[in-house]
Amino acid sequence: MVVVVVVVVVVVVVVVVVVVVVVVVVVVVEVVLTQIIDPRSMSLPTFPQFKIREDELSVGTRWRKWIQQLENLLIGMNIEGDERKKALLIHYGGEEIFDLVDTFPNVQKSNFDALKTALTNHFTPKVNLVYESFKFRKMHQEQVESVDQFHVRLRRQAALCEFADLEREILSQMIEGVISFKLRKKALRDKVTLHQFLQEARNEELTNKQVGEIEREIGQSAAISRKPRHLKIEGSQSQAGTSFQPKHKGTYKQGRPFGKKSKCRNCGGTFPHPSTRPCPAKEKNVSIMWQS
């Protein structure tokens, strides 16, 4: 009987311990998941406020770019629901946006899309198409800029100008603003499309880069080959394998260097004798011998 009681007590204790452990684990997991899932437990990432009065001439352009970047941030943060999206819009928009939203009496301010549309309509009339087109016409390729980078800049600016034929306007400005005279000449001569112009520009840039690398290699090799090479000669002997080659063409006899005059052993005069003055000892039948 006593044994049975002891067993029952042990079982009860074990059950109680297991229940306590399970409860603790559940609580800990819930807290951890709450910290991970709830965005309110995290600090908000930094994001630039929208400055309405920073440049009022381009406020419409800046607003469209800013709201697009904000929407990308909200997607990255997995923010859903109009209330939270609207709150972050006003938070990141700053005091100027907060005050402006209060002036919209007929807008459903809890609706993010409605609030975004109202703000966009407020700023859009301030987009000056003449001014934006003027900026577009002044754009030229920078020295450190590739043609593709120039094309991206032009396309961004052209989107603000509301051109009827966007591709044609971009091509026209690229032809005018590109650095390469060769590329401009070819585009005017062949009447290329924007796609063809960009492809030709990429090919030219790649070719110029490859030619530059080849010329640098050639220049380095030429600089090495121009270094003077000193030939060390010990005593009167030259390096093995070398032989003297006369600089003057013609033949000469051993013992009498080419071009050097000798003394006639018969008459004592200079040899060779001029054709008009033969050796005077010739008449005496003396054998002629020459001395170097």
C-alpha atoms as a PDB file:
ATOM      1  CA  MET A   1       0.000   0.000   0.000  1.00  0.00           C
ATOM      2  CA  VAL A   2       2.768   2.393   0.883  1.00  0.00           C
ATOM      3  CA  VAL A   3       4.512   1.622  -2.380  1.00  0.00           C
ATOM      4  CA  VAL A   4       1.413   2.500  -4.347  1.00  0.00           C
ATOM      5  CA  VAL A   5       1.095   5.834  -2.587  1.00  0.00           C
ATOM      6  CA  VAL A   6       4.720   6.675  -3.291  1.00  0.00           C
ATOM      7  CA  VAL A   7       4.316   5.839  -6.955  1.00  0.00           C
ATOM      8  CA  VAL A   8       1.229   8.018  -7.226  1.00  0.00           C
ATOM      9  CA  VAL A   9       2.988  10.940  -5.580  1.00  0.00           C
ATOM     10  CA  VAL A  10       5.959  10.621  -7.918  1.00  0.00           C
ATOM     11  CA  VAL A  11       3.707  10.528 -10.954  1.00  0.00           C
ATOM     12  CA  VAL A  12       1.839  13.621  -9.806  1.00  0.00           C
ATOM     13  CA  VAL A  13       5.079  15.502  -9.226  1.00  0.00           C
ATOM     14  CA  VAL A  14       6.384  14.552 -12.661  1.00  0.00           C
ATOM     15  CA  VAL A  15       3.163  15.674 -14.324  1.00  0.00           C
ATOM     16  CA  VAL A  16       3.255  19.002 -12.505  1.00  0.00           C
ATOM     17  CA  VAL A  17       6.871  19.574 -13.530  1.00  0.00           C
ATOM     18  CA  VAL A  18       6.107  18.760 -17.158  1.00  0.00           C
ATOM     19  CA  VAL A  19       3.145  21.132 -17.188  1.00  0.00           C
ATOM     20  CA  VAL A  20       5.223  23.936 -15.710  1.00  0.00           C
ATOM     21  CA  VAL A  21       7.983  23.399 -18.255  1.00  0.00           C
ATOM     22  CA  VAL A  22       5.507  23.422 -21.133  1.00  0.00           C
ATOM     23  CA  VAL A  23       3.905  26.638 -19.891  1.00  0.00           C
ATOM     24  CA  VAL A  24       7.287  28.339 -19.567  1.00  0.00           C
ATOM     25  CA  VAL A  25       8.318  27.265 -23.057  1.00  0.00           C
ATOM     26  CA  VAL A  26       5.067  28.521 -24.565  1.00  0.00           C
ATOM     27  CA  VAL A  27       5.435  31.899 -22.871  1.00  0.00           C
ATOM     28  CA  VAL A  28       9.037  32.290 -24.014  1.00  0.00           C
ATOM     29  CA  VAL A  29       8.191  31.353 -27.605  1.00  0.00           C
ATOM     30  CA  GLU A  30       5.294  33.786 -27.658  1.00  0.00           C
ATOM     31  CA  VAL A  31       7.469  36.624 -26.406  1.00  0.00           C
ATOM     32  CA  VAL A  32      10.173  35.869 -28.953  1.00  0.00           C
ATOM     33  CA  LEU A  33       7.708  35.676 -31.840  1.00  0.00           C
ATOM     34  CA  THR A  34       6.107  38.929 -30.751  1.00  0.00           C
ATOM     35  CA  GLN A  35       9.457  40.664 -30.767  1.00  0.00           C
ATOM     36  CA  ILE A  36      10.249  39.322 -34.241  1.00  0.00           C
ATOM     37  CA  ILE A  37       6.907  39.856 -35.962  1.00  0.00           C
ATOM     38  CA  ASP A  38       5.665  43.086 -34.407  1.00  0.00           C
ATOM     39  CA  PRO A  39       7.314  46.022 -36.276  1.00  0.00           C
ATOM     40  CA  ARG A  40       6.596  48.268 -33.291  1.00  0.00           C
ATOM     41  CA  SER A  41       9.311  46.426 -31.369  1.00  0.00           C
ATOM     42  CA  MET A  42      11.873  47.429 -33.988  1.00  0.00           C
ATOM     43  CA  SER A  43      13.398  50.844 -34.515  1.00  0.00           C
ATOM     44  CA  LEU A  44      12.329  52.472 -37.769  1.00  0.00           C
ATOM     45  CA  PRO A  45      14.965  52.698 -40.495  1.00  0.00           C
ATOM     46  CA  THR A  46      16.223  56.113 -41.439  1.00  0.00           C
ATOM     47  CA  PHE A  47      14.597  57.790 -44.428  1.00  0.00           C
ATOM     48  CA  PRO A  48      14.960  61.401 -45.626  1.00  0.00           C
ATOM     49  CA  GLN A  49      12.093  63.774 -44.924  1.00  0.00           C
ATOM     50  CA  PHE A  50      10.402  65.511 -47.815  1.00  0.00           C
ATOM     51  CA  LYS A  51      11.306  69.201 -47.967  1.00  0.00           C
ATOM     52  CA  ILE A  52       8.558  71.130 -49.748  1.00  0.00           C
ATOM     53  CA  ARG A  53      10.360  74.481 -49.790  1.00  0.00           C
ATOM     54  CA  GLU A  54      13.809  73.146 -50.637  1.00  0.00           C
ATOM     55  CA  ASP A  55      13.300  73.820 -54.370  1.00  0.00           C
ATOM     56  CA  GLU A  56       9.760  74.816 -55.233  1.00  0.00           C
ATOM     57  CA  LEU A  57      10.453  74.754 -58.981  1.00  0.00           C
ATOM     58  CA  SER A  58      11.042  71.005 -58.852  1.00  0.00           C
ATOM     59  CA  VAL A  59       8.753  70.092 -55.948  1.00  0.00           C
ATOM     60  CA  GLY A  60       6.453  67.971 -58.120  1.00  0.00           C
ATOM     61  CA  THR A  61       9.354  66.010 -59.551  1.00  0.00           C
ATOM     62  CA  ARG A  62      10.916  65.492 -56.143  1.00  0.00           C
ATOM     63  CA  TRP A  63       7.605  64.400 -54.610  1.00  0.00           C
ATOM     64  CA  ARG A  64       6.996  61.658 -57.191  1.00  0.00           C
ATOM     65  CA  LYS A  65      10.483  60.308 -56.659  1.00  0.00           C
ATOM     66  CA  TRP A  66      10.175  60.503 -52.865  1.00  0.00           C
ATOM     67  CA  ILE A  67       6.792  58.737 -52.637  1.00  0.00           C
ATOM     68  CA  GLN A  68       8.030  55.961 -54.930  1.00  0.00           C
ATOM     69  CA  GLN A  69      11.039  55.389 -52.680  1.00  0.00           C
ATOM     70  CA  LEU A  70       8.779  55.396 -49.602  1.00  0.00           C
ATOM     71  CA  GLU A  71       6.497  52.754 -51.121  1.00  0.00           C
ATOM     72  CA  ASN A  72       9.540  50.573 -51.826  1.00  0.00           C
ATOM     73  CA  LEU A  73      10.553  50.953 -48.175  1.00  0.00           C
ATOM     74  CA  LEU A  74       7.082  49.944 -46.979  1.00  0.00           C
ATOM     75  CA  ILE A  75       7.199  46.829 -49.142  1.00  0.00           C
ATOM     76  CA  GLY A  76      10.636  45.954 -47.789  1.00  0.00           C
ATOM     77  CA  MET A  77       9.382  46.369 -44.210  1.00  0.00           C
ATOM     78  CA  ASN A  78       6.325  44.235 -44.994  1.00  0.00           C
ATOM     79  CA  ILE A  79       4.032  47.042 -43.873  1.00  0.00           C
ATOM     80  CA  GLU A  80       0.397  46.380 -44.797  1.00  0.00           C
ATOM     81  CA  GLY A  81      -2.785  48.170 -43.892  1.00  0.00           C
ATOM     82  CA  ASP A  82      -3.747  51.758 -44.641  1.00  0.00           C
ATOM     83  CA  GLU A  83      -3.477  52.993 -41.058  1.00  0.00           C
ATOM     84  CA  ARG A  84       0.142  51.952 -40.630  1.00  0.00           C
ATOM     85  CA  LYS A  85       1.170  53.040 -44.149  1.00  0.00           C
ATOM     86  CA  LYS A  86      -0.494  56.434 -43.645  1.00  0.00           C
ATOM     87  CA  ALA A  87       1.220  56.845 -40.283  1.00  0.00           C
ATOM     88  CA  LEU A  88       4.636  56.174 -41.812  1.00  0.00           C
ATOM     89  CA  LEU A  89       3.888  58.533 -44.703  1.00  0.00           C
ATOM     90  CA  ILE A  90       3.206  61.379 -42.287  1.00  0.00           C
ATOM     91  CA  HIS A  91       6.088  60.359 -39.999  1.00  0.00           C
ATOM     92  CA  TYR A  92       8.677  60.325 -42.775  1.00  0.00           C
ATOM     93  CA  GLY A  93       7.090  63.266 -44.575  1.00  0.00           C
ATOM     94  CA  GLY A  94       7.898  65.516 -41.670  1.00  0.00           C
ATOM     95  CA  GLU A  95       6.172  68.524 -40.180  1.00  0.00           C
ATOM     96  CA  GLU A  96       5.460  70.185 -43.524  1.00  0.00           C
ATOM     97  CA  ILE A  97       3.537  67.152 -44.808  1.00  0.00           C
ATOM     98  CA  PHE A  98       1.743  66.795 -41.463  1.00  0.00           C
ATOM     99  CA  ASP A  99       0.504  70.401 -41.642  1.00  0.00           C
ATOM    100  CA  LEU A 100      -0.458  70.040 -45.311  1.00  0.00           C
ATOM    101  CA  VAL A 101      -2.555  66.914 -44.697  1.00  0.00           C
ATOM    102  CA  ASP A 102      -4.658  68.854 -42.169  1.00  0.00           C
ATOM    103  CA  THR A 103      -5.709  71.220 -44.967  1.00  0.00           C
ATOM    104  CA  PHE A 104      -7.409  68.418 -46.963  1.00  0.00           C
ATOM    105  CA  PRO A 105     -11.002  68.484 -45.626  1.00  0.00           C
ATOM    106  CA  ASN A 106     -12.603  66.162 -48.179  1.00  0.00           C
ATOM    107  CA  VAL A 107      -9.939  63.444 -48.217  1.00  0.00           C
ATOM    108  CA  GLN A 108     -10.299  60.150 -46.395  1.00  0.00           C
ATOM    109  CA  LYS A 109      -7.104  60.553 -44.435  1.00  0.00           C
ATOM    110  CA  SER A 110      -7.099  57.007 -43.120  1.00  0.00           C
ATOM    111  CA  ASN A 111      -6.802  55.692 -46.690  1.00  0.00           C
ATOM    112  CA  PHE A 112      -3.170  55.622 -47.801  1.00  0.00           C
ATOM    113  CA  ASP A 113      -3.888  55.685 -51.545  1.00  0.00           C
ATOM    114  CA  ALA A 114      -6.370  58.549 -51.203  1.00  0.00           C
ATOM    115  CA  LEU A 115      -3.900  60.563 -49.145  1.00  0.00           C
ATOM    116  CA  LYS A 116      -1.082  59.862 -51.607  1.00  0.00           C
ATOM    117  CA  THR A 117      -3.279  60.945 -54.535  1.00  0.00           C
ATOM    118  CA  ALA A 118      -4.278  64.160 -52.783  1.00  0.00           C
ATOM    119  CA  LEU A 119      -0.653  65.047 -52.089  1.00  0.00           C
ATOM    120  CA  THR A 120       0.372  64.168 -55.648  1.00  0.00           C
ATOM    121  CA  ASN A 121      -2.386  66.358 -57.094  1.00  0.00           C
ATOM    122  CA  HIS A 122      -1.300  69.162 -54.795  1.00  0.00           C
ATOM    123  CA  PHE A 123       2.302  69.059 -56.015  1.00  0.00           C
ATOM    124  CA  THR A 124       1.763  68.095 -59.677  1.00  0.00           C
ATOM    125  CA  PRO A 125       0.572  71.507 -60.937  1.00  0.00           C
ATOM    126  CA  LYS A 126       3.879  72.889 -59.776  1.00  0.00           C
ATOM    127  CA  VAL A 127       5.776  70.759 -62.318  1.00  0.00           C
ATOM    128  CA  ASN A 128       7.056  73.292 -64.865  1.00  0.00           C
ATOM    129  CA  LEU A 129       7.249  71.457 -68.196  1.00  0.00           C
ATOM    130  CA  VAL A 130       9.118  74.307 -69.871  1.00  0.00           C
ATOM    131  CA  TYR A 131      11.741  74.320 -67.143  1.00  0.00           C
ATOM    132  CA  GLU A 132      12.110  70.520 -67.151  1.00  0.00           C
ATOM    133  CA  SER A 133      12.460  70.511 -70.953  1.00  0.00           C
ATOM    134  CA  PHE A 134      15.094  73.233 -70.694  1.00  0.00           C
ATOM    135  CA  LYS A 135      17.074  71.088 -68.253  1.00  0.00           C
ATOM    136  CA  PHE A 136      16.741  68.123 -70.628  1.00  0.00           C
ATOM    137  CA  ARG A 137      18.140  70.112 -73.575  1.00  0.00           C
ATOM    138  CA  LYS A 138      21.160  71.208 -71.526  1.00  0.00           C
ATOM    139  CA  MET A 139      22.251  67.671 -70.671  1.00  0.00           C
ATOM    140  CA  HIS A 140      25.522  66.369 -72.136  1.00  0.00           C
ATOM    141  CA  GLN A 141      27.668  63.315 -71.500  1.00  0.00           C
ATOM    142  CA  GLU A 142      30.230  63.802 -68.740  1.00  0.00           C
ATOM    143  CA  GLN A 143      33.894  62.836 -69.223  1.00  0.00           C
ATOM    144  CA  VAL A 144      33.717  60.062 -66.610  1.00  0.00           C
ATOM    145  CA  GLU A 145      30.298  58.865 -67.768  1.00  0.00           C
ATOM    146  CA  SER A 146      29.554  55.937 -70.064  1.00  0.00           C
ATOM    147  CA  VAL A 147      26.956  56.226 -72.813  1.00  0.00           C
ATOM    148  CA  ASP A 148      24.634  53.908 -70.869  1.00  0.00           C
ATOM    149  CA  GLN A 149      24.877  56.127 -67.784  1.00  0.00           C
ATOM    150  CA  PHE A 150      24.172  59.192 -69.928  1.00  0.00           C
ATOM    151  CA  HIS A 151      21.143  57.402 -71.384  1.00  0.00           C
ATOM    152  CA  VAL A 152      19.751  56.668 -67.897  1.00  0.00           C
ATOM    153  CA  ARG A 153      20.089  60.327 -66.873  1.00  0.00           C
ATOM    154  CA  LEU A 154      18.343  61.478 -70.033  1.00  0.00           C
ATOM    155  CA  ARG A 155      15.496  59.001 -69.612  1.00  0.00           C
ATOM    156  CA  ARG A 156      14.858  60.082 -66.023  1.00  0.00           C
ATOM    157  CA  GLN A 157      14.703  63.722 -67.008  1.00  0.00           C
ATOM    158  CA  ALA A 158      12.629  63.036 -70.132  1.00  0.00           C
ATOM    159  CA  ALA A 159       9.977  61.349 -67.982  1.00  0.00           C
ATOM    160  CA  LEU A 160       9.314  64.756 -66.406  1.00  0.00           C
ATOM    161  CA  CYS A 161       8.863  66.543 -69.722  1.00  0.00           C
ATOM    162  CA  GLU A 162       5.808  64.655 -71.045  1.00  0.00           C
ATOM    163  CA  PHE A 163       7.235  64.349 -74.561  1.00  0.00           C
ATOM    164  CA  ALA A 164       4.908  62.965 -77.228  1.00  0.00           C
ATOM    165  CA  ASP A 165       7.681  60.775 -78.694  1.00  0.00           C
ATOM    166  CA  LEU A 166       9.943  59.903 -75.784  1.00  0.00           C
ATOM    167  CA  GLU A 167      12.352  57.626 -77.703  1.00  0.00           C
ATOM    168  CA  ARG A 168      12.930  60.138 -80.482  1.00  0.00           C
ATOM    169  CA  GLU A 169      13.644  62.978 -78.046  1.00  0.00           C
ATOM    170  CA  ILE A 170      16.110  60.857 -76.081  1.00  0.00           C
ATOM    171  CA  LEU A 171      17.923  59.758 -79.259  1.00  0.00           C
ATOM    172  CA  SER A 172      18.109  63.341 -80.504  1.00  0.00           C
ATOM    173  CA  GLN A 173      19.628  64.588 -77.246  1.00  0.00           C
ATOM    174  CA  MET A 174      22.057  61.662 -77.087  1.00  0.00           C
ATOM    175  CA  ILE A 175      23.340  62.434 -80.585  1.00  0.00           C
ATOM    176  CA  GLU A 176      23.809  66.076 -79.639  1.00  0.00           C
ATOM    177  CA  GLY A 177      25.314  65.477 -76.206  1.00  0.00           C
ATOM    178  CA  VAL A 178      27.543  62.450 -76.743  1.00  0.00           C
ATOM    179  CA  ILE A 179      31.310  63.023 -76.508  1.00  0.00           C
ATOM    180  CA  SER A 180      32.336  60.816 -79.448  1.00  0.00           C
ATOM    181  CA  PHE A 181      32.392  62.755 -82.735  1.00  0.00           C
ATOM    182  CA  LYS A 182      32.700  59.465 -84.623  1.00  0.00           C
ATOM    183  CA  LEU A 183      29.546  58.127 -82.994  1.00  0.00           C
ATOM    184  CA  ARG A 184      27.619  61.327 -83.680  1.00  0.00           C
ATOM    185  CA  LYS A 185      28.683  61.323 -87.335  1.00  0.00           C
ATOM    186  CA  LYS A 186      27.645  57.699 -87.817  1.00  0.00           C
ATOM    187  CA  ALA A 187      24.252  58.280 -86.182  1.00  0.00           C
ATOM    188  CA  LEU A 188      23.513  61.242 -88.441  1.00  0.00           C
ATOM    189  CA  ARG A 189      24.674  59.413 -91.572  1.00  0.00           C
ATOM    190  CA  ASP A 190      22.929  56.081 -91.000  1.00  0.00           C
ATOM    191  CA  LYS A 191      19.733  57.334 -89.300  1.00  0.00           C
ATOM    192  CA  VAL A 192      19.907  54.772 -86.501  1.00  0.00           C
ATOM    193  CA  THR A 193      17.302  53.956 -83.886  1.00  0.00           C
ATOM    194  CA  LEU A 194      17.923  54.499 -80.171  1.00  0.00           C
ATOM    195  CA  HIS A 195      18.617  50.787 -79.674  1.00  0.00           C
ATOM    196  CA  GLN A 196      21.107  50.742 -82.571  1.00  0.00           C
ATOM    197  CA  PHE A 197      22.789  53.900 -81.297  1.00  0.00           C
ATOM    198  CA  LEU A 198      23.279  52.426 -77.815  1.00  0.00           C
ATOM    199  CA  GLN A 199      24.632  49.160 -79.232  1.00  0.00           C
ATOM    200  CA  GLU A 200      27.104  51.002 -81.464  1.00  0.00           C
ATOM    201  CA  ALA A 201      28.190  53.154 -78.515  1.00  0.00           C
ATOM    202  CA  ARG A 202      28.817  50.093 -76.336  1.00  0.00           C
ATOM    203  CA  ASN A 203      30.900  48.486 -79.101  1.00  0.00           C
ATOM    204  CA  GLU A 204      32.974  51.651 -79.518  1.00  0.00           C
ATOM    205  CA  GLU A 205      33.604  51.985 -75.781  1.00  0.00           C
ATOM    206  CA  LEU A 206      34.666  48.343 -75.559  1.00  0.00           C
ATOM    207  CA  THR A 207      36.977  48.715 -78.569  1.00  0.00           C
ATOM    208  CA  ASN A 208      38.563  51.878 -77.156  1.00  0.00           C
ATOM    209  CA  LYS A 209      39.165  50.120 -73.855  1.00  0.00           C
ATOM    210  CA  GLN A 210      40.807  47.132 -75.542  1.00  0.00           C
ATOM    211  CA  VAL A 211      42.988  49.348 -77.758  1.00  0.00           C
ATOM    212  CA  GLY A 212      44.067  51.337 -74.715  1.00  0.00           C
ATOM    213  CA  GLU A 213      45.142  48.185 -72.897  1.00  0.00           C
ATOM    214  CA  ILE A 214      47.124  46.994 -75.942  1.00  0.00           C
ATOM    215  CA  GLU A 215      48.878  50.362 -76.311  1.00  0.00           C
ATOM    216  CA  ARG A 216      49.829  50.375 -72.639  1.00  0.00           C
ATOM    217  CA  GLU A 217      51.346  46.914 -72.982  1.00  0.00           C
ATOM    218  CA  ILE A 218      53.273  47.967 -76.097  1.00  0.00           C
ATOM    219  CA  GLY A 219      54.496  51.114 -74.377  1.00  0.00           C
ATOM    220  CA  GLN A 220      55.791  49.172 -71.395  1.00  0.00           C
ATOM    221  CA  SER A 221      57.578  46.663 -73.650  1.00  0.00           C
ATOM    222  CA  ALA A 222      59.165  49.449 -75.705  1.00  0.00           C
ATOM    223  CA  ALA A 223      60.382  51.209 -72.558  1.00  0.00           C
ATOM    224  CA  ILE A 224      62.107  48.031 -71.409  1.00  0.00           C
ATOM    225  CA  SER A 225      63.759  47.421 -74.796  1.00  0.00           C
ATOM    226  CA  ARG A 226      65.138  50.989 -74.906  1.00  0.00           C
ATOM    227  CA  LYS A 227      67.215  50.489 -71.750  1.00  0.00           C
ATOM    228  CA  PRO A 228      70.999  50.632 -72.601  1.00  0.00           C
ATOM    229  CA  ARG A 229      72.873  47.356 -72.488  1.00  0.00           C
ATOM    230  CA  HIS A 230      76.512  47.699 -71.355  1.00  0.00           C
ATOM    231  CA  LEU A 231      79.007  45.250 -72.897  1.00  0.00           C
ATOM    232  CA  LYS A 232      81.806  44.428 -70.495  1.00  0.00           C
ATOM    233  CA  ILE A 233      85.194  43.736 -72.175  1.00  0.00           C
ATOM    234  CA  GLU A 234      88.120  42.507 -70.126  1.00  0.00           C
ATOM    235  CA  GLY A 235      91.580  43.409 -71.433  1.00  0.00           C
ATOM    236  CA  SER A 236      91.873  43.387 -75.196  1.00  0.00           C
ATOM    237  CA  GLN A 237      89.654  40.340 -75.696  1.00  0.00           C
ATOM    238  CA  SER A 238      86.024  40.645 -76.694  1.00  0.00           C
ATOM    239  CA  GLN A 239      83.265  38.229 -75.739  1.00  0.00           C
ATOM    240  CA  ALA A 240      83.433  34.794 -77.263  1.00  0.00           C
ATOM    241  CA  GLY A 241      81.601  34.304 -80.481  1.00  0.00           C
ATOM    242  CA  THR A 242      82.066  37.862 -81.773  1.00  0.00           C
ATOM    243  CA  SER A 243      84.125  38.731 -84.813  1.00  0.00           C
ATOM    244  CA  PHE A 244      85.176  41.969 -86.430  1.00  0.00           C
ATOM    245  CA  GLN A 245      83.267  43.007 -89.517  1.00  0.00           C
ATOM    246  CA  PRO A 246      84.659  45.850 -91.624  1.00  0.00           C
ATOM    247  CA  LYS A 247      82.370  48.844 -92.072  1.00  0.00           C
ATOM    248  CA  HIS A 248      83.664  49.658 -95.546  1.00  0.00           C
ATOM    249  CA  LYS A 249      82.794  47.571 -98.554  1.00  0.00           C
ATOM    250  CA  GLY A 250      85.605  46.432-100.839  1.00  0.00           C
ATOM    251  CA  THR A 251      88.706  44.250-100.678  1.00  0.00           C
ATOM    252  CA  TYR A 252      92.076  44.802 -99.172  1.00  0.00           C
ATOM    253  CA  LYS A 253      95.296  42.847 -98.879  1.00  0.00           C
ATOM    254  CA  GLN A 254      96.516  41.409 -95.624  1.00  0.00           C
ATOM    255  CA  GLY A 255      98.947  43.837 -93.994  1.00  0.00           C
ATOM    256  CA  ARG A 256      97.715  46.941 -95.805  1.00  0.00           C
ATOM    257  CA  PRO A 257      94.516  48.418 -94.433  1.00  0.00           C
ATOM    258  CA  PHE A 258      91.968  49.651 -96.940  1.00  0.00           C
ATOM    259  CA  GLY A 259      92.424  53.325 -97.916  1.00  0.00           C
ATOM    260  CA  LYS A 260      95.873  53.738 -96.289  1.00  0.00           C
ATOM    261  CA  LYS A 261      98.720  55.000 -98.539  1.00  0.00           C
ATOM    262  CA  SER A 262     102.115  53.264 -98.542  1.00  0.00           C
ATOM    263  CA  LYS A 263     105.688  54.205 -99.395  1.00  0.00           C
ATOM    264  CA  CYS A 264     107.202  52.813-102.581  1.00  0.00           C
ATOM    265  CA  ARG A 265     110.371  50.836-101.728  1.00  0.00           C
ATOM    266  CA  ASN A 266     111.829  51.408-105.184  1.00  0.00           C
ATOM    267  CA  CYS A 267     111.613  55.143-105.623  1.00  0.00           C
ATOM    268  CA  GLY A 268     110.684  56.242-102.103  1.00  0.00           C
ATOM    269  CA  GLY A 269     107.582  58.017-103.346  1.00  0.00           C
ATOM    270  CA  THR A 270     103.947  57.633-102.300  1.00  0.00           C
ATOM    271  CA  PHE A 271     102.151  54.499-103.416  1.00  0.00           C
ATOM    272  CA  PRO A 272     100.009  54.089-105.382  1.00  0.00           C
ATOM    273  CA  HIS A 273     101.464  56.392-108.016  1.00  0.00           C
ATOM    274  CA  PRO A 274      99.144  58.666-110.003  1.00  0.00           C
ATOM    275  CA  SER A 275      98.419  57.431-113.517  1.00  0.00           C
ATOM    276  CA  THR A 276     100.136  60.513-114.941  1.00  0.00           C
ATOM    277  CA  ARG A 277     103.320  59.936-112.917  1.00  0.00           C
ATOM    278  CA  PRO A 278     104.438  56.294-112.980  1.00  0.00           C
ATOM    279  CA  CYS A 279     107.205  54.972-110.766  1.00  0.00           C
ATOM    280  CA  PRO A 280     110.578  56.339-112.052  1.00  0.00           C
ATOM    281  CA  ALA A 281     112.326  53.079-111.056  1.00  0.00           C
ATOM    282  CA  LYS A 282     110.179  51.129-113.520  1.00  0.00           C
ATOM    283  CA  GLU A 283     112.567  51.973-116.337  1.00  0.00           C
ATOM    284  CA  LYS A 284     115.386  50.239-114.461  1.00  0.00           C
ATOM    285  CA  ASN A 285     113.499  46.919-114.384  1.00  0.00           C
ATOM    286  CA  VAL A 286     113.547  46.787-110.614  1.00  0.00           C
ATOM    287  CA  SER A 287     111.179  44.364-109.008  1.00  0.00           C
ATOM    288  CA  ILE A 288     108.373  46.204-107.217  1.00  0.00           C
ATOM    289  CA  MET A 289     107.673  45.323-103.662  1.00  0.00           C
ATOM    290  CA  TRP A 290     105.251  47.051-101.328  1.00  0.00           C
ATOM    291  CA  GLN A 291     105.501  47.703 -97.687  1.00  0.00           C
ATOM    292  CA  SER A 292     102.500  48.358 -95.496  1.00  0.00           C
END
